[in-house]
Amino acid sequence: MSPQSLLDIDSHGKAPLLITGPKDGNRHIPESLAIATYLIRSFDTEDRFGLRAGDWVRDEVITSMALTNLQRATGFIMMLDFGLIRNGEGPRGGMLDGPELRKQLGILERELGEADFFMGERPGRADVIMEFPMTMVRHRKYLDLKEEFPKLDEWLSRCYDRPAFKRGLEKGNGYDMSVFPKVPR
């Protein structure tokens, strides 16, 4: 359920929500991907994120992986944390508790390869979208990212070290995914 205060602003009742300025008609843009795409297309005049001249197909594939397979894997583990679902009994009982997450992170680590960011030397839209589920993995300690997927751990640290990321945290008062409760499994 969305809080009434958010529904009063926009009928989607979603956070995050970006409200554009008068130049763009004070549009309400929910959903992280739509917001990131709007901001990059509107303000990245030098194409630093490579959404115009870069490999837009790769960007779309990596972004889609973050919003489908990785989001699903982390979402199941979070539902286990909250006690909304539980693992079954027997040899396949722990299927929701890590195997799919490890599979997805393995694919992403191979996609990252030796590059600094998923789109190469500079971050792209895929890196922006990938940060949130990867932060969930690290903050909630779903696995030891540094030990099991060192390239992804280094990538996430590079994301955090970017001045723009730090400025965003200062404006938004930071965030810590570990504060949500965990029920015993």
N, C-alpha and C. Protein backbone atom coordinates (compact mmCIF):
# COMPACT_ATOMS: atom_id res chain seq x y z
N MET A 1 0.83 -1.17 0.00
CA MET A 1 0.00 0.00 0.00
C MET A 1 0.89 1.25 0.00
N SER A 2 0.54 2.13 -0.85
CA SER A 2 1.27 3.40 -0.91
C SER A 2 0.71 4.35 0.14
N PRO A 3 1.58 5.16 0.75
CA PRO A 3 1.07 6.16 1.68
C PRO A 3 0.22 7.19 0.95
N GLN A 4 -0.77 7.70 1.63
CA GLN A 4 -1.68 8.68 1.03
C GLN A 4 -0.91 9.89 0.52
N SER A 5 0.14 10.29 1.23
CA SER A 5 0.91 11.47 0.82
C SER A 5 1.52 11.27 -0.56
N LEU A 6 1.93 10.03 -0.89
CA LEU A 6 2.49 9.75 -2.21
C LEU A 6 1.38 9.66 -3.25
N LEU A 7 0.27 9.06 -2.89
CA LEU A 7 -0.87 9.00 -3.81
C LEU A 7 -1.42 10.38 -4.12
N ASP A 8 -1.31 11.30 -3.16
CA ASP A 8 -1.77 12.68 -3.40
C ASP A 8 -0.93 13.37 -4.46
N ILE A 9 0.33 12.96 -4.59
CA ILE A 9 1.24 13.56 -5.57
C ILE A 9 1.06 12.92 -6.95
N ASP A 10 0.90 11.58 -6.96
CA ASP A 10 0.85 10.85 -8.23
C ASP A 10 0.01 9.58 -8.06
N SER A 11 -0.83 9.32 -9.01
CA SER A 11 -1.75 8.19 -8.90
C SER A 11 -1.05 6.83 -8.94
N HIS A 12 0.20 6.78 -9.43
CA HIS A 12 0.93 5.51 -9.41
C HIS A 12 1.26 5.08 -7.99
N GLY A 13 1.44 6.07 -7.12
CA GLY A 13 1.78 5.77 -5.73
C GLY A 13 3.12 5.08 -5.58
N LYS A 14 4.07 5.40 -6.46
CA LYS A 14 5.36 4.72 -6.48
C LYS A 14 6.48 5.65 -6.04
N ALA A 15 7.46 5.06 -5.39
CA ALA A 15 8.72 5.74 -5.11
C ALA A 15 9.81 4.84 -5.67
N PRO A 16 10.79 5.37 -6.34
CA PRO A 16 11.03 6.79 -6.54
C PRO A 16 10.08 7.39 -7.58
N LEU A 17 9.97 8.70 -7.47
CA LEU A 17 9.14 9.47 -8.40
C LEU A 17 9.90 10.75 -8.74
N LEU A 18 10.05 11.02 -10.02
CA LEU A 18 10.67 12.27 -10.47
C LEU A 18 9.59 13.13 -11.08
N ILE A 19 9.53 14.38 -10.66
CA ILE A 19 8.61 15.34 -11.26
C ILE A 19 9.46 16.34 -12.02
N THR A 20 9.28 16.38 -13.33
CA THR A 20 10.10 17.25 -14.17
C THR A 20 9.68 18.70 -13.98
N GLY A 21 10.45 19.58 -14.54
CA GLY A 21 10.15 21.01 -14.47
C GLY A 21 9.14 21.43 -15.52
N PRO A 22 8.81 22.70 -15.53
CA PRO A 22 7.82 23.22 -16.48
C PRO A 22 8.21 23.00 -17.94
N LYS A 23 9.52 23.01 -18.24
CA LYS A 23 9.98 22.81 -19.61
C LYS A 23 9.47 21.48 -20.19
N ASP A 24 9.39 20.47 -19.34
CA ASP A 24 8.91 19.16 -19.76
C ASP A 24 7.50 18.87 -19.27
N GLY A 25 6.77 19.92 -18.96
CA GLY A 25 5.36 19.76 -18.62
C GLY A 25 5.08 19.24 -17.22
N ASN A 26 6.04 19.38 -16.30
CA ASN A 26 5.85 18.91 -14.92
C ASN A 26 5.39 17.45 -14.89
N ARG A 27 5.97 16.65 -15.76
CA ARG A 27 5.60 15.23 -15.86
C ARG A 27 6.00 14.48 -14.61
N HIS A 28 5.21 13.50 -14.27
CA HIS A 28 5.51 12.60 -13.17
C HIS A 28 6.08 11.32 -13.78
N ILE A 29 7.30 10.97 -13.38
CA ILE A 29 7.97 9.79 -13.93
C ILE A 29 8.28 8.84 -12.78
N PRO A 30 7.50 7.74 -12.66
CA PRO A 30 7.83 6.71 -11.67
C PRO A 30 8.78 5.69 -12.28
N GLU A 31 9.32 4.83 -11.47
CA GLU A 31 10.18 3.71 -11.88
C GLU A 31 11.61 4.16 -12.16
N SER A 32 12.53 3.46 -11.53
CA SER A 32 13.96 3.80 -11.62
C SER A 32 14.49 3.84 -13.04
N LEU A 33 14.13 2.85 -13.85
CA LEU A 33 14.65 2.82 -15.22
C LEU A 33 14.15 4.01 -16.03
N ALA A 34 12.88 4.33 -15.91
CA ALA A 34 12.33 5.48 -16.64
C ALA A 34 12.99 6.78 -16.17
N ILE A 35 13.22 6.89 -14.87
CA ILE A 35 13.87 8.09 -14.32
C ILE A 35 15.30 8.19 -14.83
N ALA A 36 16.06 7.10 -14.75
CA ALA A 36 17.45 7.12 -15.22
C ALA A 36 17.52 7.47 -16.70
N THR A 37 16.64 6.87 -17.49
CA THR A 37 16.64 7.13 -18.93
C THR A 37 16.29 8.59 -19.20
N TYR A 38 15.29 9.13 -18.53
CA TYR A 38 14.92 10.53 -18.70
C TYR A 38 16.10 11.45 -18.36
N LEU A 39 16.72 11.22 -17.21
CA LEU A 39 17.82 12.09 -16.78
C LEU A 39 18.99 12.03 -17.75
N ILE A 40 19.34 10.83 -18.20
CA ILE A 40 20.47 10.69 -19.12
C ILE A 40 20.15 11.34 -20.46
N ARG A 41 18.97 11.06 -21.00
CA ARG A 41 18.61 11.64 -22.30
C ARG A 41 18.44 13.15 -22.23
N SER A 42 18.02 13.65 -21.08
CA SER A 42 17.79 15.10 -20.95
C SER A 42 19.05 15.89 -20.63
N PHE A 43 19.95 15.30 -19.83
CA PHE A 43 21.05 16.10 -19.31
C PHE A 43 22.45 15.62 -19.70
N ASP A 44 22.58 14.44 -20.27
CA ASP A 44 23.90 13.94 -20.66
C ASP A 44 24.21 14.42 -22.07
N THR A 45 24.46 15.71 -22.20
CA THR A 45 24.68 16.32 -23.52
C THR A 45 25.98 15.85 -24.17
N GLU A 46 26.94 15.40 -23.37
CA GLU A 46 28.21 14.91 -23.90
C GLU A 46 28.21 13.40 -24.11
N ASP A 47 27.10 12.74 -23.87
CA ASP A 47 26.94 11.29 -24.03
C ASP A 47 27.96 10.51 -23.21
N ARG A 48 28.24 10.98 -22.00
CA ARG A 48 29.17 10.27 -21.12
C ARG A 48 28.65 8.90 -20.72
N PHE A 49 27.33 8.74 -20.66
CA PHE A 49 26.75 7.45 -20.32
C PHE A 49 26.60 6.54 -21.54
N GLY A 50 26.89 7.05 -22.71
CA GLY A 50 26.91 6.25 -23.93
C GLY A 50 25.56 5.75 -24.39
N LEU A 51 24.49 6.40 -23.98
CA LEU A 51 23.16 5.93 -24.36
C LEU A 51 22.83 6.27 -25.81
N ARG A 52 23.51 7.26 -26.38
CA ARG A 52 23.26 7.62 -27.78
C ARG A 52 24.25 6.92 -28.73
N ALA A 53 25.55 7.11 -28.47
CA ALA A 53 26.56 6.60 -29.40
C ALA A 53 27.20 5.30 -28.91
N GLY A 54 26.89 4.89 -27.69
CA GLY A 54 27.49 3.67 -27.15
C GLY A 54 26.75 2.42 -27.60
N ASP A 55 27.06 1.32 -26.99
CA ASP A 55 26.45 0.04 -27.32
C ASP A 55 25.11 -0.06 -26.58
N TRP A 56 24.08 0.52 -27.16
CA TRP A 56 22.78 0.59 -26.50
C TRP A 56 22.16 -0.79 -26.32
N VAL A 57 22.50 -1.75 -27.17
CA VAL A 57 21.96 -3.10 -27.02
C VAL A 57 22.55 -3.75 -25.76
N ARG A 58 23.86 -3.61 -25.57
CA ARG A 58 24.49 -4.15 -24.35
C ARG A 58 23.89 -3.47 -23.13
N ASP A 59 23.73 -2.17 -23.17
CA ASP A 59 23.12 -1.44 -22.07
C ASP A 59 21.74 -2.01 -21.75
N GLU A 60 20.95 -2.24 -22.78
CA GLU A 60 19.59 -2.76 -22.59
C GLU A 60 19.61 -4.17 -22.01
N VAL A 61 20.51 -5.01 -22.48
CA VAL A 61 20.60 -6.38 -21.97
C VAL A 61 20.99 -6.39 -20.49
N ILE A 62 22.04 -5.66 -20.12
CA ILE A 62 22.50 -5.64 -18.73
C ILE A 62 21.42 -5.02 -17.84
N THR A 63 20.81 -3.95 -18.29
CA THR A 63 19.73 -3.32 -17.53
C THR A 63 18.57 -4.29 -17.34
N SER A 64 18.23 -5.00 -18.38
CA SER A 64 17.14 -5.99 -18.28
C SER A 64 17.49 -7.10 -17.31
N MET A 65 18.74 -7.53 -17.31
CA MET A 65 19.17 -8.56 -16.36
C MET A 65 18.99 -8.07 -14.92
N ALA A 66 19.33 -6.81 -14.68
CA ALA A 66 19.19 -6.25 -13.32
C ALA A 66 17.73 -6.21 -12.89
N LEU A 67 16.85 -5.87 -13.82
CA LEU A 67 15.44 -5.67 -13.47
C LEU A 67 14.60 -6.93 -13.57
N THR A 68 15.18 -8.02 -14.05
CA THR A 68 14.40 -9.26 -14.14
C THR A 68 15.06 -10.33 -13.25
N ASN A 69 16.05 -11.01 -13.78
CA ASN A 69 16.63 -12.15 -13.08
C ASN A 69 17.27 -11.79 -11.75
N LEU A 70 18.09 -10.73 -11.71
CA LEU A 70 18.74 -10.36 -10.46
C LEU A 70 17.72 -9.84 -9.45
N GLN A 71 16.79 -9.01 -9.90
CA GLN A 71 15.77 -8.47 -9.01
C GLN A 71 14.90 -9.60 -8.44
N ARG A 72 14.58 -10.57 -9.26
CA ARG A 72 13.78 -11.71 -8.80
C ARG A 72 14.55 -12.50 -7.74
N ALA A 73 15.83 -12.76 -8.00
CA ALA A 73 16.64 -13.54 -7.06
C ALA A 73 16.78 -12.82 -5.72
N THR A 74 17.07 -11.52 -5.74
CA THR A 74 17.20 -10.78 -4.48
C THR A 74 15.84 -10.61 -3.82
N GLY A 75 14.79 -10.49 -4.62
CA GLY A 75 13.44 -10.35 -4.06
C GLY A 75 13.01 -11.58 -3.29
N PHE A 76 13.32 -12.77 -3.81
CA PHE A 76 12.98 -14.00 -3.09
C PHE A 76 13.71 -14.06 -1.75
N ILE A 77 14.98 -13.69 -1.76
CA ILE A 77 15.74 -13.76 -0.51
C ILE A 77 15.20 -12.73 0.48
N MET A 78 14.81 -11.56 0.00
CA MET A 78 14.23 -10.58 0.91
C MET A 78 12.90 -11.08 1.49
N MET A 79 12.09 -11.75 0.68
CA MET A 79 10.84 -12.31 1.21
C MET A 79 11.13 -13.38 2.26
N LEU A 80 12.21 -14.16 2.08
CA LEU A 80 12.63 -15.09 3.13
C LEU A 80 13.02 -14.33 4.39
N ASP A 81 13.78 -13.23 4.21
CA ASP A 81 14.18 -12.41 5.36
C ASP A 81 12.98 -11.90 6.14
N PHE A 82 11.95 -11.49 5.44
CA PHE A 82 10.76 -10.92 6.09
C PHE A 82 9.80 -11.99 6.61
N GLY A 83 10.08 -13.26 6.30
CA GLY A 83 9.21 -14.33 6.73
C GLY A 83 7.94 -14.47 5.91
N LEU A 84 7.93 -13.87 4.73
CA LEU A 84 6.74 -13.93 3.88
C LEU A 84 6.63 -15.26 3.14
N ILE A 85 7.77 -15.89 2.89
CA ILE A 85 7.82 -17.22 2.30
C ILE A 85 8.88 -18.00 3.07
N ARG A 86 8.92 -19.28 2.86
CA ARG A 86 9.97 -20.08 3.48
C ARG A 86 10.45 -21.14 2.51
N ASN A 87 11.67 -21.58 2.72
CA ASN A 87 12.21 -22.66 1.92
C ASN A 87 11.47 -23.95 2.23
N GLY A 88 11.37 -24.80 1.25
CA GLY A 88 10.72 -26.09 1.45
C GLY A 88 11.65 -27.08 2.13
N GLU A 89 11.13 -28.26 2.31
CA GLU A 89 11.91 -29.34 2.92
C GLU A 89 12.62 -30.14 1.84
N GLY A 90 13.57 -30.93 2.24
CA GLY A 90 14.22 -31.84 1.32
C GLY A 90 15.42 -31.25 0.61
N PRO A 91 16.00 -32.02 -0.30
CA PRO A 91 17.25 -31.61 -0.95
C PRO A 91 17.13 -30.35 -1.80
N ARG A 92 15.95 -30.05 -2.30
CA ARG A 92 15.78 -28.84 -3.12
C ARG A 92 15.18 -27.70 -2.31
N GLY A 93 15.08 -27.88 -1.01
CA GLY A 93 14.42 -26.92 -0.14
C GLY A 93 15.06 -25.55 -0.07
N GLY A 94 16.35 -25.46 -0.30
CA GLY A 94 17.04 -24.18 -0.21
C GLY A 94 17.18 -23.45 -1.53
N MET A 95 16.38 -23.81 -2.51
CA MET A 95 16.54 -23.24 -3.85
C MET A 95 16.37 -21.72 -3.87
N LEU A 96 15.54 -21.18 -2.99
CA LEU A 96 15.30 -19.73 -3.02
C LEU A 96 16.38 -18.96 -2.28
N ASP A 97 17.25 -19.68 -1.60
CA ASP A 97 18.17 -19.05 -0.67
C ASP A 97 19.59 -18.87 -1.20
N GLY A 98 19.76 -18.75 -2.49
CA GLY A 98 21.09 -18.45 -2.97
C GLY A 98 21.52 -19.01 -4.30
N PRO A 99 21.12 -20.22 -4.70
CA PRO A 99 21.63 -20.75 -5.98
C PRO A 99 21.33 -19.86 -7.17
N GLU A 100 20.12 -19.35 -7.28
CA GLU A 100 19.78 -18.49 -8.43
C GLU A 100 20.55 -17.17 -8.37
N LEU A 101 20.71 -16.63 -7.17
CA LEU A 101 21.49 -15.40 -7.01
C LEU A 101 22.93 -15.63 -7.46
N ARG A 102 23.52 -16.72 -7.04
CA ARG A 102 24.90 -17.02 -7.45
C ARG A 102 25.00 -17.19 -8.97
N LYS A 103 24.01 -17.83 -9.55
CA LYS A 103 24.00 -18.00 -11.01
C LYS A 103 23.98 -16.64 -11.70
N GLN A 104 23.09 -15.76 -11.27
CA GLN A 104 22.97 -14.44 -11.90
C GLN A 104 24.23 -13.60 -11.69
N LEU A 105 24.80 -13.67 -10.49
CA LEU A 105 26.02 -12.90 -10.23
C LEU A 105 27.19 -13.44 -11.05
N GLY A 106 27.23 -14.74 -11.26
CA GLY A 106 28.27 -15.32 -12.11
C GLY A 106 28.18 -14.81 -13.54
N ILE A 107 26.96 -14.75 -14.05
CA ILE A 107 26.74 -14.22 -15.40
C ILE A 107 27.18 -12.75 -15.46
N LEU A 108 26.79 -11.99 -14.47
CA LEU A 108 27.14 -10.56 -14.47
C LEU A 108 28.64 -10.35 -14.33
N GLU A 109 29.29 -11.17 -13.52
CA GLU A 109 30.74 -11.01 -13.38
C GLU A 109 31.44 -11.31 -14.71
N ARG A 110 30.95 -12.31 -15.44
CA ARG A 110 31.52 -12.58 -16.77
C ARG A 110 31.25 -11.42 -17.72
N GLU A 111 30.06 -10.84 -17.65
CA GLU A 111 29.74 -9.69 -18.50
C GLU A 111 30.63 -8.49 -18.18
N LEU A 112 30.92 -8.27 -16.92
CA LEU A 112 31.79 -7.16 -16.51
C LEU A 112 33.20 -7.38 -17.02
N GLY A 113 33.67 -8.62 -16.95
CA GLY A 113 35.02 -8.93 -17.43
C GLY A 113 36.06 -8.11 -16.70
N GLU A 114 36.96 -7.51 -17.46
CA GLU A 114 38.04 -6.69 -16.88
C GLU A 114 37.72 -5.20 -16.91
N ALA A 115 36.53 -4.85 -17.37
CA ALA A 115 36.16 -3.43 -17.49
C ALA A 115 35.89 -2.82 -16.11
N ASP A 116 36.02 -1.51 -16.03
CA ASP A 116 35.70 -0.79 -14.80
C ASP A 116 34.20 -0.77 -14.54
N PHE A 117 33.43 -0.64 -15.61
CA PHE A 117 31.97 -0.56 -15.52
C PHE A 117 31.36 -1.44 -16.60
N PHE A 118 30.10 -1.74 -16.48
CA PHE A 118 29.45 -2.62 -17.45
C PHE A 118 29.50 -2.07 -18.87
N MET A 119 29.56 -0.74 -18.98
CA MET A 119 29.61 -0.14 -20.31
C MET A 119 31.02 0.27 -20.71
N GLY A 120 32.03 -0.16 -19.94
CA GLY A 120 33.42 0.12 -20.31
C GLY A 120 34.14 0.97 -19.29
N GLU A 121 34.80 2.01 -19.77
CA GLU A 121 35.61 2.87 -18.89
C GLU A 121 34.75 3.77 -18.00
N ARG A 122 33.57 4.11 -18.48
CA ARG A 122 32.68 5.00 -17.73
C ARG A 122 31.38 4.26 -17.41
N PRO A 123 30.73 4.69 -16.35
CA PRO A 123 29.45 4.05 -16.04
C PRO A 123 28.39 4.40 -17.07
N GLY A 124 27.47 3.50 -17.26
CA GLY A 124 26.32 3.72 -18.14
C GLY A 124 25.04 3.54 -17.36
N ARG A 125 23.95 3.60 -18.06
CA ARG A 125 22.64 3.42 -17.42
C ARG A 125 22.57 2.06 -16.73
N ALA A 126 23.16 1.05 -17.34
CA ALA A 126 23.16 -0.29 -16.74
C ALA A 126 23.82 -0.29 -15.37
N ASP A 127 24.90 0.46 -15.22
CA ASP A 127 25.58 0.54 -13.93
C ASP A 127 24.70 1.23 -12.89
N VAL A 128 24.00 2.27 -13.31
CA VAL A 128 23.12 3.00 -12.39
C VAL A 128 22.02 2.06 -11.89
N ILE A 129 21.40 1.32 -12.79
CA ILE A 129 20.30 0.44 -12.42
C ILE A 129 20.80 -0.77 -11.63
N MET A 130 21.97 -1.27 -11.96
CA MET A 130 22.52 -2.45 -11.30
C MET A 130 22.93 -2.17 -9.85
N GLU A 131 23.23 -0.91 -9.53
CA GLU A 131 23.74 -0.58 -8.20
C GLU A 131 22.77 -0.99 -7.10
N PHE A 132 21.48 -0.75 -7.24
CA PHE A 132 20.54 -1.02 -6.15
C PHE A 132 20.47 -2.50 -5.77
N PRO A 133 20.23 -3.41 -6.71
CA PRO A 133 20.20 -4.82 -6.28
C PRO A 133 21.55 -5.31 -5.77
N MET A 134 22.65 -4.77 -6.30
CA MET A 134 23.96 -5.18 -5.81
C MET A 134 24.21 -4.64 -4.41
N THR A 135 23.71 -3.45 -4.12
CA THR A 135 23.81 -2.91 -2.76
C THR A 135 23.01 -3.78 -1.80
N MET A 136 21.86 -4.26 -2.24
CA MET A 136 21.06 -5.14 -1.39
C MET A 136 21.87 -6.40 -1.06
N VAL A 137 22.54 -6.98 -2.06
CA VAL A 137 23.34 -8.18 -1.83
C VAL A 137 24.43 -7.90 -0.80
N ARG A 138 25.11 -6.76 -0.95
CA ARG A 138 26.21 -6.45 -0.04
C ARG A 138 25.70 -6.07 1.35
N HIS A 139 24.78 -5.13 1.43
CA HIS A 139 24.32 -4.65 2.74
C HIS A 139 23.63 -5.75 3.56
N ARG A 140 22.84 -6.58 2.89
CA ARG A 140 22.09 -7.60 3.61
C ARG A 140 22.88 -8.91 3.75
N LYS A 141 24.11 -8.91 3.21
CA LYS A 141 25.03 -10.04 3.35
C LYS A 141 24.40 -11.35 2.86
N TYR A 142 23.79 -11.28 1.68
CA TYR A 142 23.22 -12.49 1.09
C TYR A 142 24.30 -13.50 0.75
N LEU A 143 25.48 -13.00 0.51
CA LEU A 143 26.67 -13.83 0.31
C LEU A 143 27.86 -12.90 0.47
N ASP A 144 29.04 -13.47 0.51
CA ASP A 144 30.25 -12.65 0.64
C ASP A 144 30.68 -12.22 -0.76
N LEU A 145 30.23 -11.05 -1.16
CA LEU A 145 30.49 -10.56 -2.51
C LEU A 145 31.99 -10.47 -2.78
N LYS A 146 32.74 -9.98 -1.80
CA LYS A 146 34.19 -9.82 -1.98
C LYS A 146 34.87 -11.17 -2.21
N GLU A 147 34.43 -12.18 -1.52
CA GLU A 147 35.03 -13.51 -1.63
C GLU A 147 34.57 -14.27 -2.88
N GLU A 148 33.24 -14.26 -3.13
CA GLU A 148 32.69 -15.08 -4.21
C GLU A 148 32.70 -14.40 -5.58
N PHE A 149 32.52 -13.09 -5.58
CA PHE A 149 32.45 -12.35 -6.85
C PHE A 149 33.27 -11.07 -6.73
N PRO A 150 34.61 -11.21 -6.66
CA PRO A 150 35.47 -10.05 -6.39
C PRO A 150 35.38 -8.95 -7.44
N LYS A 151 35.17 -9.30 -8.69
CA LYS A 151 35.08 -8.25 -9.72
C LYS A 151 33.82 -7.40 -9.51
N LEU A 152 32.71 -8.05 -9.15
CA LEU A 152 31.48 -7.29 -8.87
C LEU A 152 31.64 -6.46 -7.61
N ASP A 153 32.34 -6.98 -6.62
CA ASP A 153 32.58 -6.22 -5.39
C ASP A 153 33.41 -4.98 -5.69
N GLU A 154 34.45 -5.13 -6.50
CA GLU A 154 35.27 -3.97 -6.89
C GLU A 154 34.47 -2.99 -7.72
N TRP A 155 33.63 -3.50 -8.62
CA TRP A 155 32.76 -2.63 -9.42
C TRP A 155 31.85 -1.80 -8.52
N LEU A 156 31.22 -2.45 -7.53
CA LEU A 156 30.32 -1.74 -6.64
C LEU A 156 31.06 -0.66 -5.86
N SER A 157 32.27 -0.96 -5.42
CA SER A 157 33.08 0.04 -4.73
C SER A 157 33.40 1.22 -5.65
N ARG A 158 33.67 0.95 -6.92
CA ARG A 158 33.91 2.05 -7.87
C ARG A 158 32.65 2.91 -8.02
N CYS A 159 31.49 2.27 -8.04
CA CYS A 159 30.24 3.04 -8.11
C CYS A 159 30.12 3.95 -6.89
N TYR A 160 30.36 3.41 -5.71
CA TYR A 160 30.26 4.19 -4.47
C TYR A 160 31.28 5.32 -4.43
N ASP A 161 32.44 5.11 -5.04
CA ASP A 161 33.52 6.10 -4.99
C ASP A 161 33.31 7.27 -5.95
N ARG A 162 32.37 7.16 -6.86
CA ARG A 162 32.14 8.24 -7.82
C ARG A 162 31.62 9.48 -7.10
N PRO A 163 32.16 10.65 -7.42
CA PRO A 163 31.68 11.89 -6.79
C PRO A 163 30.17 12.10 -6.96
N ALA A 164 29.63 11.76 -8.13
CA ALA A 164 28.19 11.94 -8.35
C ALA A 164 27.38 11.04 -7.41
N PHE A 165 27.84 9.83 -7.16
CA PHE A 165 27.14 8.92 -6.25
C PHE A 165 27.16 9.50 -4.85
N LYS A 166 28.31 10.00 -4.43
CA LYS A 166 28.44 10.59 -3.09
C LYS A 166 27.53 11.81 -2.94
N ARG A 167 27.46 12.65 -3.97
CA ARG A 167 26.57 13.81 -3.92
C ARG A 167 25.11 13.37 -3.80
N GLY A 168 24.75 12.32 -4.52
CA GLY A 168 23.38 11.81 -4.45
C GLY A 168 23.04 11.32 -3.06
N LEU A 169 23.97 10.62 -2.41
CA LEU A 169 23.73 10.14 -1.05
C LEU A 169 23.58 11.31 -0.08
N GLU A 170 24.38 12.35 -0.27
CA GLU A 170 24.27 13.52 0.60
C GLU A 170 22.90 14.19 0.46
N LYS A 171 22.43 14.30 -0.77
CA LYS A 171 21.12 14.92 -0.99
C LYS A 171 19.98 14.06 -0.47
N GLY A 172 20.14 12.76 -0.57
CA GLY A 172 19.08 11.84 -0.15
C GLY A 172 19.28 11.27 1.24
N ASN A 173 20.27 11.73 1.97
CA ASN A 173 20.57 11.26 3.32
C ASN A 173 21.05 9.81 3.37
N GLY A 174 21.58 9.30 2.26
CA GLY A 174 22.12 7.95 2.23
C GLY A 174 21.05 6.88 2.33
N TYR A 175 21.47 5.66 2.33
CA TYR A 175 20.55 4.55 2.57
C TYR A 175 21.34 3.33 3.01
N ASP A 176 20.67 2.50 3.77
CA ASP A 176 21.30 1.31 4.32
C ASP A 176 20.29 0.18 4.23
N MET A 177 20.53 -0.75 3.34
CA MET A 177 19.60 -1.86 3.13
C MET A 177 19.63 -2.89 4.25
N SER A 178 20.62 -2.79 5.15
CA SER A 178 20.70 -3.78 6.23
C SER A 178 19.74 -3.49 7.37
N VAL A 179 19.09 -2.34 7.38
CA VAL A 179 18.23 -1.98 8.52
C VAL A 179 16.88 -2.70 8.49
N PHE A 180 16.49 -3.27 7.37
CA PHE A 180 15.23 -4.01 7.31
C PHE A 180 15.37 -5.27 8.16
N PRO A 181 14.31 -5.68 8.83
CA PRO A 181 14.41 -6.83 9.73
C PRO A 181 14.62 -8.15 8.98
N LYS A 182 15.18 -9.09 9.72
CA LYS A 182 15.34 -10.47 9.24
C LYS A 182 14.70 -11.36 10.27
N VAL A 183 13.84 -12.26 9.82
CA VAL A 183 13.28 -13.25 10.74
C VAL A 183 14.12 -14.51 10.64
N PRO A 184 14.21 -15.28 11.72
CA PRO A 184 14.98 -16.53 11.63
C PRO A 184 14.35 -17.46 10.59
N ARG A 185 15.20 -18.14 9.85
CA ARG A 185 14.70 -19.07 8.82
C ARG A 185 14.62 -20.46 9.38
